Amino acid sequence: MPERKKLLLRLDPAVYEAVAKWAADDLRSVNAQIEYGLRLALRQAGRDTRRDGRDGTGEGAAEGASAGAGRSAGESTEPDVPDS
């Protein structure tokens, strides 16, 4: 595995607190949560960093490869489809 890049990051305290709470909810470190969030943003922008679709977070290319991963209670995994 290539050596990981080190980065000094300055954040607004409110942003840090929100990321820290999100990390605690997902049982991740703040550092891992920031990387997870960046990978989500890259995937949404069509700039996924891995050819095989894996993003290094334990989830596959399909959103929520693990049942319920990253979803709040009651949030559906199904796409919104209008009733016919």
Protein backbone atom coordinates (compact mmCIF):
# COMPACT_ATOMS: atom_id res chain seq x y z
CA MET A 1 0.00 0.00 0.00
CA PRO A 2 1.43 3.42 -0.90
CA GLU A 3 2.30 5.80 1.90
CA ARG A 4 -0.66 7.93 2.95
CA LYS A 5 -0.47 11.67 2.33
CA LYS A 6 -0.40 13.99 5.33
CA LEU A 7 -2.49 17.14 5.25
CA LEU A 8 -2.90 20.05 7.62
CA LEU A 9 -6.54 21.08 7.52
CA ARG A 10 -8.08 24.14 9.15
CA LEU A 11 -11.78 23.84 9.87
CA ASP A 12 -14.43 26.08 11.34
CA PRO A 13 -15.13 24.75 14.86
CA ALA A 14 -18.80 24.13 14.01
CA VAL A 15 -17.81 22.06 10.95
CA TYR A 16 -15.36 20.06 13.06
CA GLU A 17 -18.02 19.37 15.69
CA ALA A 18 -20.49 18.22 13.02
CA VAL A 19 -17.89 15.89 11.47
CA ALA A 20 -16.88 14.59 14.91
CA LYS A 21 -20.52 13.77 15.75
CA TRP A 22 -20.98 12.07 12.36
CA ALA A 23 -17.78 10.08 12.97
CA ALA A 24 -18.95 9.00 16.43
CA ASP A 25 -22.32 7.93 14.98
CA ASP A 26 -20.52 5.81 12.36
CA LEU A 27 -17.88 4.50 14.83
CA ARG A 28 -15.04 6.10 12.86
CA SER A 29 -12.23 8.47 13.75
CA VAL A 30 -12.59 12.08 12.61
CA ASN A 31 -9.77 11.50 10.12
CA ALA A 32 -11.48 8.42 8.66
CA GLN A 33 -14.80 10.29 8.51
CA ILE A 34 -13.24 13.18 6.58
CA GLU A 35 -11.75 10.72 4.10
CA TYR A 36 -15.09 8.91 3.85
CA GLY A 37 -16.90 12.20 3.14
CA LEU A 38 -14.35 13.16 0.51
CA ARG A 39 -14.72 9.78 -1.20
CA LEU A 40 -18.52 10.18 -1.21
CA ALA A 41 -18.16 13.61 -2.81
CA LEU A 42 -15.70 12.27 -5.38
CA ARG A 43 -18.06 9.43 -6.29
CA GLN A 44 -21.02 11.83 -6.64
CA ALA A 45 -18.91 14.05 -8.91
CA GLY A 46 -18.00 11.05 -11.09
CA ARG A 47 -14.38 11.15 -9.96
CA ASP A 48 -14.16 7.84 -8.11
CA THR A 49 -10.53 7.09 -7.23
CA ARG A 50 -10.66 3.33 -7.69
CA ARG A 51 -11.15 1.48 -10.97
CA ASP A 52 -12.86 -1.50 -9.34
CA GLY A 53 -15.47 0.74 -7.69
CA ARG A 54 -14.31 0.12 -4.12
CA ASP A 55 -13.79 3.31 -2.18
CA GLY A 56 -11.64 2.05 0.68
CA THR A 57 -14.41 2.45 3.28
CA GLY A 58 -15.56 -1.15 3.24
CA GLU A 59 -18.47 -0.34 0.94
CA GLY A 60 -18.68 -1.27 -2.71
CA ALA A 61 -19.44 1.00 -5.64
CA ALA A 62 -23.17 0.65 -5.10
CA GLU A 63 -24.32 3.04 -2.42
CA GLY A 64 -24.93 1.21 0.82
CA ALA A 65 -23.38 -2.10 -0.15
CA SER A 66 -23.90 -3.11 3.48
CA ALA A 67 -27.52 -3.17 4.51
CA GLY A 68 -28.44 0.23 5.87
CA ALA A 69 -24.90 1.62 5.71
CA GLY A 70 -24.89 5.37 6.18
CA ARG A 71 -28.67 5.63 6.34
CA SER A 72 -30.84 6.86 9.14
CA ALA A 73 -33.76 4.81 10.42
CA GLY A 74 -36.63 4.72 7.96
CA GLU A 75 -34.54 5.93 5.01
CA SER A 76 -35.19 3.71 2.01
CA THR A 77 -32.54 2.20 -0.23
CA GLU A 78 -35.01 2.25 -3.13
CA PRO A 79 -34.87 5.09 -5.68
CA ASP A 80 -37.83 7.47 -5.71
CA VAL A 81 -40.25 6.17 -8.28
CA PRO A 82 -43.49 8.04 -8.98
CA ASP A 83 -46.71 6.10 -8.40
CA SER A 84 -48.47 5.12 -11.60
